[in-house]
Amino acid sequence: MTISERIFERLNQLDMTQKDFSDKTGIMPSTISEWKKNKTNPSSDKIMSICKALDVTPEWLLSGVEGVKGRERSNNYYVIDKNTDIGVLVERFYLLEPNMRERIIGYAEAILAMTKKDVT
């Protein structure tokens, strides 16, 4: 399923019209119609406003995959340089299967807990 197909699927789930969606996002109705008619995808500068209007994560909108289950959806997003240690870590993290992601999170939480004990 493409990004635009997910958008229109979610609009149906929310019983939201294209006009309502346009009003919430500030995206021209003609642009939204083009996505549907030509099955094209929105440009990257529109992703965050689309996610907010549809109450979905960028991960779901772009891939159709939900994030790690059991974690609250957050409206905090980070821009990370892929050429840093954190960028490499995040990139590799998303290549893992969900069960392996959970293990990595568990390891990180355990290390943080140990670090807090060592500091006090």
N, C-alpha and C. Protein backbone atom coordinates (compact mmCIF):
# COMPACT_ATOMS: atom_id res chain seq x y z
N MET A 1 0.84 -1.17 0.00
CA MET A 1 0.00 0.00 0.00
C MET A 1 0.90 1.24 0.00
N THR A 2 0.53 2.24 -0.78
CA THR A 2 1.32 3.47 -0.87
C THR A 2 0.92 4.43 0.25
N ILE A 3 1.70 5.48 0.39
CA ILE A 3 1.39 6.51 1.39
C ILE A 3 0.02 7.11 1.11
N SER A 4 -0.24 7.45 -0.13
CA SER A 4 -1.53 8.07 -0.45
C SER A 4 -2.68 7.10 -0.19
N GLU A 5 -2.48 5.83 -0.45
CA GLU A 5 -3.54 4.85 -0.15
C GLU A 5 -3.80 4.77 1.35
N ARG A 6 -2.74 4.84 2.15
CA ARG A 6 -2.92 4.84 3.61
C ARG A 6 -3.66 6.10 4.06
N ILE A 7 -3.35 7.24 3.44
CA ILE A 7 -4.04 8.48 3.79
C ILE A 7 -5.54 8.33 3.56
N PHE A 8 -5.93 7.84 2.39
CA PHE A 8 -7.35 7.75 2.07
C PHE A 8 -8.04 6.64 2.87
N GLU A 9 -7.31 5.60 3.20
CA GLU A 9 -7.87 4.56 4.07
C GLU A 9 -8.17 5.15 5.45
N ARG A 10 -7.23 5.95 5.96
CA ARG A 10 -7.41 6.56 7.28
C ARG A 10 -8.52 7.61 7.25
N LEU A 11 -8.62 8.37 6.17
CA LEU A 11 -9.72 9.32 6.04
C LEU A 11 -11.06 8.60 6.15
N ASN A 12 -11.17 7.44 5.49
CA ASN A 12 -12.40 6.65 5.58
C ASN A 12 -12.65 6.18 7.00
N GLN A 13 -11.60 5.70 7.68
CA GLN A 13 -11.76 5.24 9.06
C GLN A 13 -12.25 6.35 9.97
N LEU A 14 -11.76 7.55 9.74
CA LEU A 14 -12.14 8.70 10.57
C LEU A 14 -13.42 9.37 10.09
N ASP A 15 -13.94 8.90 8.96
CA ASP A 15 -15.12 9.52 8.33
C ASP A 15 -14.86 11.01 8.10
N MET A 16 -13.67 11.31 7.61
CA MET A 16 -13.24 12.69 7.36
C MET A 16 -13.26 12.95 5.86
N THR A 17 -13.84 14.08 5.48
CA THR A 17 -13.87 14.43 4.06
C THR A 17 -12.52 15.00 3.63
N GLN A 18 -12.32 15.03 2.32
CA GLN A 18 -11.08 15.63 1.81
C GLN A 18 -11.03 17.12 2.16
N LYS A 19 -12.19 17.76 2.19
CA LYS A 19 -12.23 19.19 2.56
C LYS A 19 -11.83 19.38 4.02
N ASP A 20 -12.37 18.53 4.91
CA ASP A 20 -11.98 18.61 6.32
C ASP A 20 -10.48 18.39 6.48
N PHE A 21 -9.98 17.41 5.75
CA PHE A 21 -8.55 17.09 5.78
C PHE A 21 -7.73 18.28 5.29
N SER A 22 -8.20 18.91 4.24
CA SER A 22 -7.53 20.10 3.70
C SER A 22 -7.51 21.22 4.73
N ASP A 23 -8.65 21.43 5.39
CA ASP A 23 -8.73 22.48 6.42
C ASP A 23 -7.78 22.21 7.58
N LYS A 24 -7.66 20.95 7.99
CA LYS A 24 -6.80 20.59 9.13
C LYS A 24 -5.32 20.68 8.79
N THR A 25 -4.98 20.40 7.55
CA THR A 25 -3.56 20.34 7.17
C THR A 25 -3.06 21.60 6.47
N GLY A 26 -3.98 22.38 5.90
CA GLY A 26 -3.56 23.53 5.11
C GLY A 26 -3.10 23.15 3.71
N ILE A 27 -3.35 21.90 3.33
CA ILE A 27 -2.97 21.42 1.99
C ILE A 27 -4.13 21.69 1.04
N MET A 28 -3.80 22.21 -0.13
CA MET A 28 -4.84 22.55 -1.10
C MET A 28 -5.67 21.32 -1.48
N PRO A 29 -7.00 21.48 -1.59
CA PRO A 29 -7.85 20.35 -1.99
C PRO A 29 -7.44 19.75 -3.33
N SER A 30 -6.97 20.59 -4.25
CA SER A 30 -6.55 20.08 -5.56
C SER A 30 -5.34 19.16 -5.43
N THR A 31 -4.46 19.46 -4.50
CA THR A 31 -3.28 18.61 -4.26
C THR A 31 -3.72 17.25 -3.73
N ILE A 32 -4.66 17.27 -2.78
CA ILE A 32 -5.17 16.03 -2.20
C ILE A 32 -5.86 15.20 -3.27
N SER A 33 -6.64 15.85 -4.13
CA SER A 33 -7.30 15.14 -5.23
C SER A 33 -6.30 14.50 -6.18
N GLU A 34 -5.19 15.20 -6.43
CA GLU A 34 -4.15 14.65 -7.30
C GLU A 34 -3.56 13.38 -6.70
N TRP A 35 -3.36 13.36 -5.38
CA TRP A 35 -2.83 12.15 -4.73
C TRP A 35 -3.76 10.98 -4.99
N LYS A 36 -5.06 11.24 -4.89
CA LYS A 36 -6.03 10.16 -5.05
C LYS A 36 -6.14 9.74 -6.52
N LYS A 37 -6.24 10.71 -7.39
CA LYS A 37 -6.44 10.42 -8.82
C LYS A 37 -5.22 9.76 -9.44
N ASN A 38 -4.06 10.30 -9.19
CA ASN A 38 -2.83 9.78 -9.81
C ASN A 38 -2.08 8.79 -8.93
N LYS A 39 -2.61 8.57 -7.73
CA LYS A 39 -1.96 7.68 -6.76
C LYS A 39 -0.51 8.10 -6.52
N THR A 40 -0.31 9.42 -6.46
CA THR A 40 1.01 9.95 -6.13
C THR A 40 1.08 10.18 -4.63
N ASN A 41 2.26 10.38 -4.12
CA ASN A 41 2.46 10.57 -2.69
C ASN A 41 2.75 12.03 -2.36
N PRO A 42 2.42 12.44 -1.13
CA PRO A 42 2.70 13.82 -0.73
C PRO A 42 4.20 14.06 -0.60
N SER A 43 4.58 15.32 -0.71
CA SER A 43 5.99 15.66 -0.52
C SER A 43 6.33 15.60 0.97
N SER A 44 7.60 15.47 1.26
CA SER A 44 8.06 15.25 2.64
C SER A 44 7.70 16.41 3.57
N ASP A 45 7.58 17.62 3.06
CA ASP A 45 7.27 18.75 3.92
C ASP A 45 5.84 18.73 4.46
N LYS A 46 5.02 17.83 3.93
CA LYS A 46 3.62 17.74 4.37
C LYS A 46 3.37 16.59 5.35
N ILE A 47 4.35 15.73 5.53
CA ILE A 47 4.17 14.51 6.33
C ILE A 47 3.70 14.80 7.75
N MET A 48 4.34 15.72 8.45
CA MET A 48 4.01 15.96 9.85
C MET A 48 2.60 16.51 10.01
N SER A 49 2.18 17.42 9.15
CA SER A 49 0.82 17.96 9.27
C SER A 49 -0.21 16.88 8.93
N ILE A 50 0.11 16.00 8.00
CA ILE A 50 -0.78 14.89 7.67
C ILE A 50 -0.92 13.96 8.87
N CYS A 51 0.21 13.62 9.48
CA CYS A 51 0.19 12.72 10.65
C CYS A 51 -0.64 13.31 11.78
N LYS A 52 -0.48 14.59 12.02
CA LYS A 52 -1.23 15.24 13.10
C LYS A 52 -2.73 15.20 12.80
N ALA A 53 -3.12 15.52 11.57
CA ALA A 53 -4.54 15.54 11.20
C ALA A 53 -5.17 14.15 11.27
N LEU A 54 -4.39 13.13 10.91
CA LEU A 54 -4.92 11.76 10.87
C LEU A 54 -4.66 11.00 12.17
N ASP A 55 -3.94 11.63 13.11
CA ASP A 55 -3.59 11.01 14.39
C ASP A 55 -2.87 9.67 14.17
N VAL A 56 -1.83 9.73 13.35
CA VAL A 56 -0.99 8.56 13.09
C VAL A 56 0.47 8.96 13.25
N THR A 57 1.33 7.97 13.36
CA THR A 57 2.76 8.24 13.45
C THR A 57 3.36 8.36 12.05
N PRO A 58 4.46 9.08 11.92
CA PRO A 58 5.14 9.13 10.62
C PRO A 58 5.56 7.73 10.17
N GLU A 59 5.96 6.90 11.13
CA GLU A 59 6.36 5.53 10.79
C GLU A 59 5.23 4.79 10.10
N TRP A 60 4.02 4.90 10.66
CA TRP A 60 2.88 4.20 10.06
C TRP A 60 2.57 4.79 8.68
N LEU A 61 2.55 6.12 8.58
CA LEU A 61 2.21 6.75 7.31
C LEU A 61 3.18 6.34 6.21
N LEU A 62 4.46 6.31 6.53
CA LEU A 62 5.48 6.01 5.52
C LEU A 62 5.62 4.53 5.21
N SER A 63 5.40 3.68 6.22
CA SER A 63 5.67 2.25 6.02
C SER A 63 4.47 1.34 6.21
N GLY A 64 3.45 1.84 6.90
CA GLY A 64 2.31 0.99 7.22
C GLY A 64 2.54 0.14 8.45
N VAL A 65 3.69 0.32 9.10
CA VAL A 65 4.05 -0.48 10.27
C VAL A 65 3.96 0.40 11.50
N GLU A 66 3.32 -0.13 12.52
CA GLU A 66 3.26 0.59 13.79
C GLU A 66 4.60 0.48 14.49
N GLY A 67 4.85 1.40 15.39
CA GLY A 67 6.07 1.36 16.19
C GLY A 67 6.01 0.24 17.20
N VAL A 68 6.91 0.25 18.14
CA VAL A 68 6.98 -0.78 19.17
C VAL A 68 5.68 -0.78 19.96
N LYS A 69 5.04 -1.94 20.07
CA LYS A 69 3.77 -2.05 20.76
C LYS A 69 3.95 -1.81 22.25
N GLY A 70 2.89 -1.28 22.85
CA GLY A 70 2.90 -1.07 24.28
C GLY A 70 3.53 0.25 24.68
N ARG A 71 4.02 1.01 23.76
CA ARG A 71 4.61 2.31 24.08
C ARG A 71 3.62 3.38 23.64
N GLU A 72 3.51 4.41 24.45
CA GLU A 72 2.60 5.50 24.12
C GLU A 72 3.07 6.23 22.88
N ARG A 73 2.10 6.67 22.09
CA ARG A 73 2.42 7.50 20.94
C ARG A 73 2.82 8.87 21.46
N SER A 74 3.87 9.38 20.94
CA SER A 74 4.38 10.67 21.39
C SER A 74 4.36 11.66 20.24
N ASN A 75 4.10 12.90 20.57
CA ASN A 75 4.15 13.93 19.54
C ASN A 75 5.51 14.61 19.50
N ASN A 76 6.49 14.01 20.15
CA ASN A 76 7.85 14.53 20.11
C ASN A 76 8.63 13.80 19.03
N TYR A 77 9.19 14.56 18.11
CA TYR A 77 9.95 13.98 17.02
C TYR A 77 11.35 14.57 17.03
N TYR A 78 12.30 13.80 16.56
CA TYR A 78 13.68 14.23 16.54
C TYR A 78 14.22 14.19 15.12
N VAL A 79 15.07 15.14 14.80
CA VAL A 79 15.81 15.12 13.55
C VAL A 79 17.21 14.67 13.91
N ILE A 80 17.65 13.57 13.29
CA ILE A 80 18.94 12.97 13.65
C ILE A 80 19.82 12.90 12.41
N ASP A 81 21.04 13.34 12.55
CA ASP A 81 22.02 13.25 11.47
C ASP A 81 22.44 11.78 11.34
N LYS A 82 22.24 11.21 10.16
CA LYS A 82 22.58 9.80 9.93
C LYS A 82 24.07 9.52 10.05
N ASN A 83 24.88 10.54 10.01
CA ASN A 83 26.33 10.36 10.08
C ASN A 83 26.88 10.40 11.50
N THR A 84 26.00 10.39 12.49
CA THR A 84 26.44 10.37 13.89
C THR A 84 26.23 8.98 14.47
N ASP A 85 26.79 8.74 15.65
CA ASP A 85 26.58 7.45 16.32
C ASP A 85 25.10 7.17 16.51
N ILE A 86 24.36 8.19 16.93
CA ILE A 86 22.92 8.00 17.16
C ILE A 86 22.22 7.69 15.85
N GLY A 87 22.59 8.38 14.78
CA GLY A 87 21.98 8.12 13.48
C GLY A 87 22.20 6.70 13.01
N VAL A 88 23.41 6.20 13.17
CA VAL A 88 23.73 4.81 12.79
C VAL A 88 22.93 3.85 13.65
N LEU A 89 22.85 4.13 14.95
CA LEU A 89 22.10 3.27 15.87
C LEU A 89 20.63 3.21 15.48
N VAL A 90 20.03 4.35 15.21
CA VAL A 90 18.62 4.40 14.83
C VAL A 90 18.39 3.66 13.52
N GLU A 91 19.25 3.89 12.56
CA GLU A 91 19.11 3.23 11.25
C GLU A 91 19.16 1.71 11.40
N ARG A 92 20.09 1.22 12.18
CA ARG A 92 20.21 -0.23 12.38
C ARG A 92 19.06 -0.78 13.22
N PHE A 93 18.60 0.00 14.19
CA PHE A 93 17.48 -0.40 15.03
C PHE A 93 16.25 -0.70 14.16
N TYR A 94 15.98 0.16 13.18
CA TYR A 94 14.80 -0.03 12.34
C TYR A 94 14.94 -1.18 11.35
N LEU A 95 16.12 -1.72 11.21
CA LEU A 95 16.31 -2.90 10.37
C LEU A 95 15.95 -4.18 11.12
N LEU A 96 15.84 -4.09 12.44
CA LEU A 96 15.56 -5.27 13.27
C LEU A 96 14.09 -5.63 13.27
N GLU A 97 13.83 -6.90 13.55
CA GLU A 97 12.46 -7.37 13.75
C GLU A 97 11.94 -6.78 15.06
N PRO A 98 10.61 -6.62 15.21
CA PRO A 98 10.05 -6.02 16.43
C PRO A 98 10.50 -6.68 17.73
N ASN A 99 10.60 -8.01 17.75
CA ASN A 99 11.01 -8.67 19.00
C ASN A 99 12.46 -8.32 19.36
N MET A 100 13.30 -8.13 18.36
CA MET A 100 14.68 -7.75 18.62
C MET A 100 14.76 -6.28 19.07
N ARG A 101 13.88 -5.45 18.54
CA ARG A 101 13.83 -4.06 19.00
C ARG A 101 13.50 -4.01 20.48
N GLU A 102 12.53 -4.83 20.90
CA GLU A 102 12.15 -4.87 22.31
C GLU A 102 13.34 -5.28 23.18
N ARG A 103 14.13 -6.23 22.70
CA ARG A 103 15.31 -6.66 23.45
C ARG A 103 16.32 -5.52 23.60
N ILE A 104 16.54 -4.79 22.51
CA ILE A 104 17.46 -3.66 22.56
C ILE A 104 16.98 -2.62 23.57
N ILE A 105 15.68 -2.33 23.56
CA ILE A 105 15.12 -1.37 24.51
C ILE A 105 15.32 -1.88 25.94
N GLY A 106 15.11 -3.17 26.14
CA GLY A 106 15.33 -3.77 27.46
C GLY A 106 16.77 -3.63 27.91
N TYR A 107 17.71 -3.88 27.00
CA TYR A 107 19.13 -3.73 27.34
C TYR A 107 19.43 -2.28 27.74
N ALA A 108 18.92 -1.35 26.96
CA ALA A 108 19.17 0.07 27.24
C ALA A 108 18.61 0.46 28.61
N GLU A 109 17.40 -0.01 28.91
CA GLU A 109 16.79 0.30 30.21
C GLU A 109 17.60 -0.31 31.35
N ALA A 110 18.10 -1.53 31.16
CA ALA A 110 18.92 -2.18 32.19
C ALA A 110 20.22 -1.42 32.41
N ILE A 111 20.85 -1.00 31.34
CA ILE A 111 22.10 -0.23 31.46
C ILE A 111 21.84 1.09 32.17
N LEU A 112 20.74 1.76 31.83
CA LEU A 112 20.41 3.01 32.51
C LEU A 112 20.18 2.79 34.00
N ALA A 113 19.48 1.71 34.34
CA ALA A 113 19.22 1.40 35.75
C ALA A 113 20.53 1.15 36.50
N MET A 114 21.45 0.42 35.88
CA MET A 114 22.76 0.16 36.51
C MET A 114 23.54 1.46 36.67
N THR A 115 23.48 2.31 35.68
CA THR A 115 24.20 3.58 35.71
C THR A 115 23.69 4.46 36.85
N LYS A 116 22.38 4.48 37.04
CA LYS A 116 21.80 5.28 38.12
C LYS A 116 22.25 4.77 39.48
N LYS A 117 22.36 3.45 39.63
CA LYS A 117 22.82 2.87 40.90
C LYS A 117 24.27 3.23 41.16
N ASP A 118 25.09 3.23 40.09
CA ASP A 118 26.52 3.54 40.23
C ASP A 118 26.74 5.01 40.60
N VAL A 119 25.86 5.88 40.13
CA VAL A 119 26.01 7.31 40.35
C VAL A 119 25.64 7.67 41.79
N THR A 120 24.66 6.99 42.37
CA THR A 120 24.19 7.35 43.72
C THR A 120 24.99 6.72 44.82
